[in-house]
N, C-alpha and C. Protein backbone atom coordinates (compact mmCIF):
# COMPACT_ATOMS: atom_id res chain seq x y z
N MET A 1 87.85 96.88 91.87
CA MET A 1 89.15 96.25 91.85
C MET A 1 89.69 96.17 93.29
N PRO A 2 90.15 95.01 93.71
CA PRO A 2 90.75 94.90 95.05
C PRO A 2 92.03 95.73 95.13
N LEU A 3 92.31 96.27 96.31
CA LEU A 3 93.50 97.09 96.49
C LEU A 3 94.77 96.29 96.21
N CYS A 4 94.77 95.00 96.55
CA CYS A 4 95.98 94.20 96.32
C CYS A 4 96.33 94.15 94.83
N THR A 5 95.35 94.29 93.96
CA THR A 5 95.61 94.33 92.52
C THR A 5 96.44 95.56 92.16
N HIS A 6 96.20 96.66 92.84
CA HIS A 6 97.00 97.87 92.61
C HIS A 6 98.47 97.61 92.93
N PHE A 7 98.74 96.87 93.99
CA PHE A 7 100.13 96.59 94.35
C PHE A 7 100.79 95.66 93.33
N VAL A 8 100.03 94.76 92.76
CA VAL A 8 100.56 93.93 91.66
C VAL A 8 100.91 94.83 90.48
N ASP A 9 100.02 95.75 90.15
CA ASP A 9 100.29 96.68 89.05
C ASP A 9 101.52 97.54 89.35
N MET A 10 101.66 97.98 90.58
CA MET A 10 102.84 98.78 90.95
C MET A 10 104.11 97.94 90.83
N ALA A 11 104.05 96.68 91.22
CA ALA A 11 105.23 95.81 91.10
C ALA A 11 105.57 95.56 89.63
N ARG A 12 104.56 95.43 88.80
CA ARG A 12 104.80 95.27 87.35
C ARG A 12 105.41 96.55 86.79
N ASN A 13 104.88 97.70 87.18
CA ASN A 13 105.44 98.97 86.73
C ASN A 13 106.88 99.13 87.21
N ASN A 14 107.13 98.75 88.43
CA ASN A 14 108.47 98.82 88.99
C ASN A 14 109.45 97.99 88.16
N ALA A 15 109.07 96.76 87.84
CA ALA A 15 109.94 95.89 87.04
C ALA A 15 110.17 96.47 85.65
N TRP A 16 109.10 96.95 85.03
CA TRP A 16 109.19 97.55 83.69
C TRP A 16 110.09 98.78 83.70
N SER A 17 109.90 99.65 84.68
CA SER A 17 110.69 100.88 84.77
C SER A 17 112.16 100.57 85.02
N ASN A 18 112.42 99.65 85.93
CA ASN A 18 113.81 99.26 86.20
C ASN A 18 114.45 98.66 84.96
N GLU A 19 113.69 97.84 84.25
CA GLU A 19 114.21 97.23 83.03
C GLU A 19 114.56 98.30 81.99
N ARG A 20 113.68 99.24 81.81
CA ARG A 20 113.94 100.31 80.83
C ARG A 20 115.17 101.13 81.23
N LEU A 21 115.24 101.50 82.49
CA LEU A 21 116.35 102.33 82.94
C LEU A 21 117.68 101.58 82.89
N LEU A 22 117.70 100.35 83.37
CA LEU A 22 118.95 99.59 83.36
C LEU A 22 119.37 99.20 81.95
N THR A 23 118.41 98.93 81.08
CA THR A 23 118.75 98.65 79.68
C THR A 23 119.41 99.88 79.06
N ALA A 24 118.89 101.05 79.35
CA ALA A 24 119.54 102.27 78.85
C ALA A 24 120.95 102.39 79.42
N CYS A 25 121.12 102.10 80.69
CA CYS A 25 122.44 102.20 81.32
C CYS A 25 123.44 101.21 80.72
N LEU A 26 122.95 100.12 80.14
CA LEU A 26 123.85 99.17 79.47
C LEU A 26 124.57 99.84 78.29
N GLY A 27 124.04 100.95 77.81
CA GLY A 27 124.68 101.70 76.73
C GLY A 27 125.87 102.53 77.20
N LEU A 28 126.08 102.61 78.50
CA LEU A 28 127.23 103.33 79.06
C LEU A 28 128.38 102.36 79.26
N ASP A 29 129.61 102.85 79.17
CA ASP A 29 130.72 101.99 79.57
C ASP A 29 130.81 102.07 81.10
N GLU A 30 131.62 101.22 81.69
CA GLU A 30 131.67 101.13 83.16
C GLU A 30 132.15 102.43 83.79
N ALA A 31 133.06 103.14 83.14
CA ALA A 31 133.54 104.41 83.68
C ALA A 31 132.41 105.45 83.70
N GLU A 32 131.62 105.49 82.65
CA GLU A 32 130.48 106.42 82.60
C GLU A 32 129.45 106.06 83.67
N PHE A 33 129.22 104.77 83.86
CA PHE A 33 128.25 104.30 84.85
C PHE A 33 128.69 104.71 86.26
N ALA A 34 130.00 104.65 86.53
CA ALA A 34 130.52 104.96 87.86
C ALA A 34 130.91 106.42 88.03
N ALA A 35 130.85 107.20 86.96
CA ALA A 35 131.30 108.60 87.01
C ALA A 35 130.52 109.43 88.02
N THR A 36 131.22 110.35 88.66
CA THR A 36 130.59 111.25 89.62
C THR A 36 129.62 112.18 88.91
N ARG A 37 128.42 112.27 89.47
CA ARG A 37 127.37 113.13 88.93
C ARG A 37 126.69 113.83 90.10
N THR A 38 125.86 114.80 89.79
CA THR A 38 125.16 115.55 90.83
C THR A 38 123.82 114.88 91.12
N SER A 39 123.66 114.43 92.35
CA SER A 39 122.41 113.86 92.83
C SER A 39 122.60 113.47 94.29
N PHE A 40 121.60 112.83 94.87
CA PHE A 40 121.68 112.42 96.27
C PHE A 40 122.83 111.42 96.45
N PHE A 41 122.88 110.40 95.60
CA PHE A 41 124.02 109.50 95.53
C PHE A 41 124.86 109.98 94.36
N PRO A 42 126.18 109.95 94.49
CA PRO A 42 127.02 110.65 93.51
C PRO A 42 127.29 109.95 92.18
N SER A 43 126.53 108.92 91.83
CA SER A 43 126.71 108.28 90.53
C SER A 43 125.49 107.42 90.21
N LEU A 44 125.37 107.08 88.94
CA LEU A 44 124.33 106.12 88.56
C LEU A 44 124.57 104.79 89.25
N GLN A 45 125.81 104.38 89.30
CA GLN A 45 126.17 103.11 89.93
C GLN A 45 125.71 103.07 91.39
N ARG A 46 126.01 104.11 92.13
CA ARG A 46 125.65 104.13 93.55
C ARG A 46 124.13 104.25 93.73
N THR A 47 123.48 105.06 92.92
CA THR A 47 122.03 105.23 93.03
C THR A 47 121.31 103.92 92.76
N LEU A 48 121.68 103.25 91.69
CA LEU A 48 120.97 102.02 91.30
C LEU A 48 121.33 100.85 92.21
N ASN A 49 122.53 100.83 92.76
CA ASN A 49 122.87 99.83 93.76
C ASN A 49 122.09 100.06 95.05
N HIS A 50 121.91 101.34 95.41
CA HIS A 50 121.09 101.67 96.58
C HIS A 50 119.67 101.15 96.41
N LEU A 51 119.09 101.32 95.23
CA LEU A 51 117.74 100.82 94.98
C LEU A 51 117.66 99.32 95.21
N LEU A 52 118.62 98.59 94.68
CA LEU A 52 118.63 97.14 94.85
C LEU A 52 118.75 96.77 96.32
N ALA A 53 119.67 97.40 97.03
CA ALA A 53 119.87 97.07 98.45
C ALA A 53 118.61 97.35 99.27
N VAL A 54 117.95 98.47 99.01
CA VAL A 54 116.75 98.81 99.78
C VAL A 54 115.59 97.90 99.39
N ASP A 55 115.49 97.53 98.13
CA ASP A 55 114.47 96.54 97.74
C ASP A 55 114.65 95.26 98.55
N ARG A 56 115.86 94.78 98.61
CA ARG A 56 116.15 93.54 99.37
C ARG A 56 115.79 93.70 100.84
N TYR A 57 116.17 94.83 101.40
CA TYR A 57 115.91 95.10 102.82
C TYR A 57 114.41 95.03 103.14
N TYR A 58 113.61 95.75 102.36
CA TYR A 58 112.17 95.77 102.64
C TYR A 58 111.50 94.45 102.28
N LEU A 59 111.93 93.81 101.21
CA LEU A 59 111.34 92.52 100.87
C LEU A 59 111.68 91.47 101.92
N ASP A 60 112.89 91.51 102.44
CA ASP A 60 113.24 90.61 103.53
C ASP A 60 112.30 90.83 104.71
N ALA A 61 112.05 92.09 105.06
CA ALA A 61 111.14 92.40 106.17
C ALA A 61 109.74 91.90 105.86
N LEU A 62 109.26 92.13 104.65
CA LEU A 62 107.92 91.70 104.27
C LEU A 62 107.79 90.18 104.31
N GLU A 63 108.89 89.49 104.05
CA GLU A 63 108.88 88.03 104.09
C GLU A 63 109.22 87.48 105.48
N GLY A 64 109.37 88.38 106.46
CA GLY A 64 109.60 87.95 107.83
C GLY A 64 111.05 87.69 108.18
N HIS A 65 111.98 88.25 107.42
CA HIS A 65 113.41 88.03 107.66
C HIS A 65 114.13 89.36 107.83
N SER A 66 113.59 90.24 108.63
CA SER A 66 114.16 91.58 108.74
C SER A 66 115.49 91.56 109.48
N VAL A 67 116.50 92.06 108.80
CA VAL A 67 117.82 92.23 109.39
C VAL A 67 118.33 93.60 108.95
N PHE A 68 118.73 94.41 109.91
CA PHE A 68 119.23 95.74 109.58
C PHE A 68 120.48 95.61 108.72
N PRO A 69 120.54 96.31 107.59
CA PRO A 69 121.65 96.15 106.66
C PRO A 69 122.96 96.79 107.12
N ASP A 70 122.92 97.64 108.13
CA ASP A 70 124.11 98.27 108.68
C ASP A 70 125.04 98.83 107.61
N GLY A 71 124.50 99.73 106.80
CA GLY A 71 125.30 100.41 105.79
C GLY A 71 125.26 99.79 104.42
N ALA A 72 124.69 98.60 104.28
CA ALA A 72 124.67 97.93 102.98
C ALA A 72 123.87 98.70 101.95
N GLU A 73 122.95 99.55 102.40
CA GLU A 73 122.14 100.31 101.45
C GLU A 73 122.97 101.37 100.73
N ASP A 74 124.20 101.60 101.19
CA ASP A 74 125.09 102.56 100.55
C ASP A 74 126.27 101.89 99.84
N GLU A 75 126.34 100.57 99.88
CA GLU A 75 127.44 99.84 99.26
C GLU A 75 127.20 99.62 97.77
N ILE A 76 128.28 99.37 97.07
CA ILE A 76 128.18 98.97 95.67
C ILE A 76 128.16 97.44 95.67
N LEU A 77 126.97 96.89 95.50
CA LEU A 77 126.78 95.45 95.50
C LEU A 77 127.24 94.84 94.18
N HIS A 78 127.03 95.58 93.10
CA HIS A 78 127.39 95.13 91.75
C HIS A 78 128.01 96.30 91.02
N ALA A 79 129.30 96.19 90.72
CA ALA A 79 130.02 97.30 90.07
C ALA A 79 129.60 97.47 88.61
N SER A 80 129.31 96.37 87.93
CA SER A 80 128.97 96.49 86.50
C SER A 80 127.47 96.64 86.30
N VAL A 81 127.12 97.34 85.24
CA VAL A 81 125.71 97.52 84.89
C VAL A 81 125.07 96.17 84.62
N ALA A 82 125.77 95.30 83.90
CA ALA A 82 125.20 94.00 83.52
C ALA A 82 124.88 93.16 84.76
N GLU A 83 125.79 93.13 85.73
CA GLU A 83 125.53 92.36 86.96
C GLU A 83 124.38 92.96 87.75
N LEU A 84 124.36 94.28 87.84
CA LEU A 84 123.29 94.96 88.56
C LEU A 84 121.94 94.71 87.88
N HIS A 85 121.94 94.76 86.57
CA HIS A 85 120.72 94.51 85.79
C HIS A 85 120.16 93.12 86.11
N THR A 86 121.01 92.12 86.10
CA THR A 86 120.58 90.76 86.41
C THR A 86 120.04 90.65 87.83
N ALA A 87 120.75 91.25 88.78
CA ALA A 87 120.31 91.19 90.18
C ALA A 87 119.00 91.94 90.39
N GLN A 88 118.83 93.09 89.74
CA GLN A 88 117.60 93.87 89.90
C GLN A 88 116.42 93.12 89.29
N ARG A 89 116.64 92.47 88.16
CA ARG A 89 115.57 91.66 87.56
C ARG A 89 115.08 90.59 88.53
N ALA A 90 116.02 89.94 89.20
CA ALA A 90 115.65 88.89 90.16
C ALA A 90 114.87 89.48 91.33
N GLU A 91 115.30 90.63 91.82
CA GLU A 91 114.60 91.26 92.94
C GLU A 91 113.21 91.74 92.51
N ASP A 92 113.11 92.25 91.29
CA ASP A 92 111.80 92.68 90.79
C ASP A 92 110.86 91.50 90.65
N ALA A 93 111.37 90.35 90.23
CA ALA A 93 110.54 89.14 90.14
C ALA A 93 110.10 88.70 91.53
N ARG A 94 110.98 88.82 92.49
CA ARG A 94 110.65 88.47 93.88
C ARG A 94 109.55 89.39 94.41
N LEU A 95 109.67 90.69 94.15
CA LEU A 95 108.65 91.64 94.59
C LEU A 95 107.31 91.36 93.92
N LEU A 96 107.33 91.10 92.63
CA LEU A 96 106.09 90.80 91.91
C LEU A 96 105.46 89.52 92.46
N GLY A 97 106.25 88.51 92.72
CA GLY A 97 105.72 87.28 93.30
C GLY A 97 105.09 87.52 94.66
N PHE A 98 105.74 88.33 95.48
CA PHE A 98 105.18 88.67 96.79
C PHE A 98 103.83 89.35 96.63
N CYS A 99 103.77 90.35 95.75
CA CYS A 99 102.53 91.11 95.56
C CYS A 99 101.42 90.23 94.98
N ARG A 100 101.77 89.33 94.08
CA ARG A 100 100.76 88.42 93.53
C ARG A 100 100.17 87.49 94.58
N GLY A 101 100.89 87.27 95.65
CA GLY A 101 100.40 86.41 96.73
C GLY A 101 99.59 87.14 97.78
N LEU A 102 99.38 88.43 97.61
CA LEU A 102 98.66 89.22 98.60
C LEU A 102 97.14 89.11 98.45
N SER A 103 96.47 89.36 99.55
CA SER A 103 95.02 89.58 99.56
C SER A 103 94.81 90.92 100.25
N ASP A 104 93.64 91.50 100.08
CA ASP A 104 93.38 92.78 100.74
C ASP A 104 93.53 92.66 102.25
N ASP A 105 93.13 91.53 102.83
CA ASP A 105 93.28 91.34 104.27
C ASP A 105 94.74 91.37 104.69
N ARG A 106 95.60 90.81 103.88
CA ARG A 106 97.03 90.73 104.20
C ARG A 106 97.69 92.12 104.19
N LEU A 107 97.13 93.07 103.47
CA LEU A 107 97.73 94.40 103.40
C LEU A 107 97.77 95.10 104.76
N SER A 108 96.87 94.74 105.64
CA SER A 108 96.86 95.37 106.97
C SER A 108 97.65 94.58 108.01
N ALA A 109 98.20 93.43 107.61
CA ALA A 109 99.04 92.66 108.52
C ALA A 109 100.28 93.48 108.89
N ILE A 110 100.82 93.21 110.04
CA ILE A 110 101.96 93.97 110.54
C ILE A 110 103.25 93.18 110.30
N VAL A 111 104.25 93.91 109.80
CA VAL A 111 105.59 93.34 109.64
C VAL A 111 106.53 94.11 110.56
N VAL A 112 107.59 93.43 110.97
CA VAL A 112 108.59 94.04 111.83
C VAL A 112 109.78 94.41 110.96
N ILE A 113 110.16 95.67 111.05
CA ILE A 113 111.29 96.17 110.27
C ILE A 113 112.39 96.57 111.25
N ASP A 114 113.52 95.91 111.13
CA ASP A 114 114.68 96.17 111.98
C ASP A 114 115.39 97.42 111.46
N ARG A 115 115.38 98.48 112.26
CA ARG A 115 116.04 99.73 111.88
C ARG A 115 117.34 99.94 112.66
N GLY A 116 117.94 98.82 113.07
CA GLY A 116 119.23 98.90 113.76
C GLY A 116 119.12 99.66 115.07
N PRO A 117 119.99 100.65 115.25
CA PRO A 117 120.00 101.41 116.51
C PRO A 117 118.67 102.10 116.83
N ALA A 118 117.85 102.38 115.81
CA ALA A 118 116.56 103.04 116.04
C ALA A 118 115.52 102.07 116.58
N GLY A 119 115.79 100.77 116.50
CA GLY A 119 114.88 99.78 117.05
C GLY A 119 114.05 99.06 116.00
N LEU A 120 113.07 98.32 116.48
CA LEU A 120 112.17 97.56 115.62
C LEU A 120 110.91 98.40 115.38
N PHE A 121 110.51 98.49 114.13
CA PHE A 121 109.31 99.24 113.77
C PHE A 121 108.26 98.25 113.28
N HIS A 122 107.03 98.48 113.66
CA HIS A 122 105.91 97.64 113.26
C HIS A 122 105.08 98.42 112.25
N GLU A 123 105.05 97.93 111.03
CA GLU A 123 104.39 98.62 109.93
C GLU A 123 103.42 97.70 109.22
N ALA A 124 102.40 98.26 108.62
CA ALA A 124 101.45 97.47 107.82
C ALA A 124 102.12 97.09 106.49
N VAL A 125 101.78 95.92 105.98
CA VAL A 125 102.31 95.45 104.70
C VAL A 125 102.02 96.48 103.61
N GLY A 126 100.79 96.98 103.54
CA GLY A 126 100.41 97.94 102.51
C GLY A 126 101.23 99.23 102.59
N ALA A 127 101.45 99.73 103.80
CA ALA A 127 102.24 100.95 103.97
C ALA A 127 103.70 100.70 103.60
N THR A 128 104.21 99.54 103.94
CA THR A 128 105.60 99.21 103.61
C THR A 128 105.78 99.11 102.10
N LEU A 129 104.83 98.47 101.43
CA LEU A 129 104.91 98.39 99.96
C LEU A 129 104.79 99.77 99.33
N ALA A 130 103.87 100.59 99.82
CA ALA A 130 103.72 101.94 99.28
C ALA A 130 105.03 102.71 99.43
N HIS A 131 105.66 102.59 100.59
CA HIS A 131 106.94 103.25 100.83
C HIS A 131 108.01 102.73 99.85
N LEU A 132 108.05 101.44 99.66
CA LEU A 132 109.04 100.84 98.76
C LEU A 132 108.87 101.37 97.34
N PHE A 133 107.64 101.44 96.86
CA PHE A 133 107.41 101.94 95.50
C PHE A 133 107.75 103.42 95.37
N VAL A 134 107.41 104.22 96.37
CA VAL A 134 107.76 105.64 96.33
C VAL A 134 109.28 105.80 96.35
N HIS A 135 109.96 105.00 97.16
CA HIS A 135 111.42 105.05 97.22
C HIS A 135 112.01 104.75 95.85
N GLN A 136 111.50 103.72 95.19
CA GLN A 136 111.99 103.36 93.86
C GLN A 136 111.77 104.52 92.88
N ILE A 137 110.57 105.06 92.86
CA ILE A 137 110.25 106.14 91.92
C ILE A 137 111.15 107.35 92.18
N HIS A 138 111.34 107.68 93.44
CA HIS A 138 112.17 108.82 93.82
C HIS A 138 113.59 108.68 93.27
N HIS A 139 114.24 107.57 93.56
CA HIS A 139 115.63 107.41 93.14
C HIS A 139 115.75 107.08 91.65
N ARG A 140 114.75 106.42 91.07
CA ARG A 140 114.80 106.23 89.61
C ARG A 140 114.75 107.57 88.91
N GLY A 141 113.98 108.51 89.45
CA GLY A 141 113.94 109.86 88.88
C GLY A 141 115.30 110.52 88.92
N GLN A 142 116.02 110.33 90.01
CA GLN A 142 117.37 110.89 90.11
C GLN A 142 118.29 110.23 89.08
N ALA A 143 118.20 108.92 88.95
CA ALA A 143 119.02 108.21 87.97
C ALA A 143 118.67 108.65 86.55
N HIS A 144 117.39 108.85 86.31
CA HIS A 144 116.92 109.31 85.00
C HIS A 144 117.54 110.66 84.66
N ALA A 145 117.56 111.56 85.64
CA ALA A 145 118.15 112.88 85.43
C ALA A 145 119.65 112.78 85.19
N MET A 146 120.34 111.91 85.93
CA MET A 146 121.77 111.73 85.72
C MET A 146 122.04 111.16 84.33
N LEU A 147 121.22 110.22 83.91
CA LEU A 147 121.40 109.62 82.58
C LEU A 147 121.23 110.67 81.49
N ALA A 148 120.37 111.65 81.74
CA ALA A 148 120.16 112.73 80.76
C ALA A 148 121.44 113.53 80.51
N GLY A 149 122.38 113.46 81.44
CA GLY A 149 123.65 114.16 81.29
C GLY A 149 124.73 113.32 80.61
N THR A 150 124.31 112.20 80.03
CA THR A 150 125.26 111.33 79.32
C THR A 150 124.91 111.31 77.84
N ARG A 151 125.64 110.53 77.08
CA ARG A 151 125.35 110.37 75.65
C ARG A 151 124.17 109.43 75.40
N VAL A 152 123.70 108.73 76.45
CA VAL A 152 122.58 107.79 76.33
C VAL A 152 121.29 108.50 76.71
N PRO A 153 120.33 108.57 75.81
CA PRO A 153 119.07 109.24 76.17
C PRO A 153 118.30 108.46 77.22
N PRO A 154 117.74 109.15 78.21
CA PRO A 154 116.96 108.45 79.23
C PRO A 154 115.65 107.93 78.64
N PRO A 155 115.21 106.77 79.09
CA PRO A 155 113.98 106.18 78.56
C PRO A 155 112.73 106.82 79.16
N GLN A 156 111.64 106.71 78.45
CA GLN A 156 110.34 107.13 78.96
C GLN A 156 109.94 106.14 80.06
N LEU A 157 109.53 106.66 81.20
CA LEU A 157 109.17 105.80 82.32
C LEU A 157 107.73 105.97 82.79
N ASP A 158 106.95 106.81 82.12
CA ASP A 158 105.61 107.07 82.63
C ASP A 158 104.50 106.63 81.69
N GLU A 159 104.77 105.70 80.83
CA GLU A 159 103.74 105.21 79.91
C GLU A 159 103.31 103.80 80.32
N PHE A 160 102.73 103.69 81.49
CA PHE A 160 102.43 102.36 81.99
C PHE A 160 100.96 102.13 82.30
N PHE A 161 100.33 103.00 83.05
CA PHE A 161 99.01 102.70 83.60
C PHE A 161 97.83 102.99 82.67
N LEU A 162 97.96 103.95 81.80
CA LEU A 162 96.82 104.32 80.96
C LEU A 162 96.66 103.36 79.78
N ALA A 163 95.41 103.04 79.48
CA ALA A 163 95.12 102.11 78.38
C ALA A 163 95.68 102.61 77.06
N GLY A 164 95.66 103.92 76.85
CA GLY A 164 96.17 104.49 75.61
C GLY A 164 97.66 104.28 75.42
N ASP A 165 98.38 104.03 76.51
CA ASP A 165 99.82 103.78 76.43
C ASP A 165 100.15 102.30 76.29
N ALA A 166 99.17 101.44 76.40
CA ALA A 166 99.40 99.98 76.38
C ALA A 166 100.22 99.51 75.18
N PRO A 167 99.94 99.99 73.97
CA PRO A 167 100.74 99.53 72.83
C PRO A 167 102.23 99.85 72.96
N ARG A 168 102.58 100.91 73.69
CA ARG A 168 103.98 101.32 73.83
C ARG A 168 104.76 100.37 74.75
N ARG A 169 104.07 99.64 75.58
CA ARG A 169 104.76 98.77 76.54
C ARG A 169 104.48 97.29 76.33
N ALA A 170 103.56 96.93 75.48
CA ALA A 170 103.10 95.54 75.34
C ALA A 170 104.25 94.57 75.04
N GLY A 171 105.09 94.91 74.10
CA GLY A 171 106.19 94.02 73.73
C GLY A 171 107.17 93.83 74.87
N GLU A 172 107.48 94.91 75.56
CA GLU A 172 108.42 94.80 76.69
C GLU A 172 107.84 93.98 77.83
N LEU A 173 106.57 94.16 78.12
CA LEU A 173 105.95 93.38 79.19
C LEU A 173 105.89 91.90 78.83
N ALA A 174 105.63 91.62 77.57
CA ALA A 174 105.61 90.22 77.13
C ALA A 174 107.00 89.62 77.26
N ALA A 175 108.02 90.36 76.86
CA ALA A 175 109.39 89.86 76.96
C ALA A 175 109.79 89.64 78.42
N LEU A 176 109.32 90.49 79.31
CA LEU A 176 109.61 90.35 80.73
C LEU A 176 108.73 89.30 81.41
N ARG A 177 107.68 88.90 80.72
CA ARG A 177 106.69 87.93 81.26
C ARG A 177 106.05 88.44 82.54
N ILE A 178 105.68 89.72 82.50
CA ILE A 178 105.02 90.30 83.66
C ILE A 178 103.68 90.87 83.25
């Protein structure tokens, strides 16, 4: 299997996981979504908005449009769960499209990432994507834990890669068209 296929699978998993988590969050009212909780970012709203902002930042860099967000990664881009859900779906589709266009040769290409005052960083496409997926998994785990402290049960997020789990996700993947 070519390595670029793994990145397509990771982008599909990312979209599926975000869909499951944000769909669960739709069961919260806006006050519950924005409520202060214990984690790196102090609410589900802030954590999930951070994920969207950072996805955009790295995808912009991967597409050759790197601009330092200057604090945007900590802003609330979408106050409501429904708006955030729609925006994250679009970003996940963008990431999946990018990954589907990759070849193994392209994974070693260098992208420039604007880190503002820290300067411009030159990173390989493959390393940047790996970082993006780890970042998503890290903060989704925090959001998952915060959701566990609400009346909405957190969704299962680890039934994706194994063939034995395929029946558990088939309908959702078909609905997402990924």
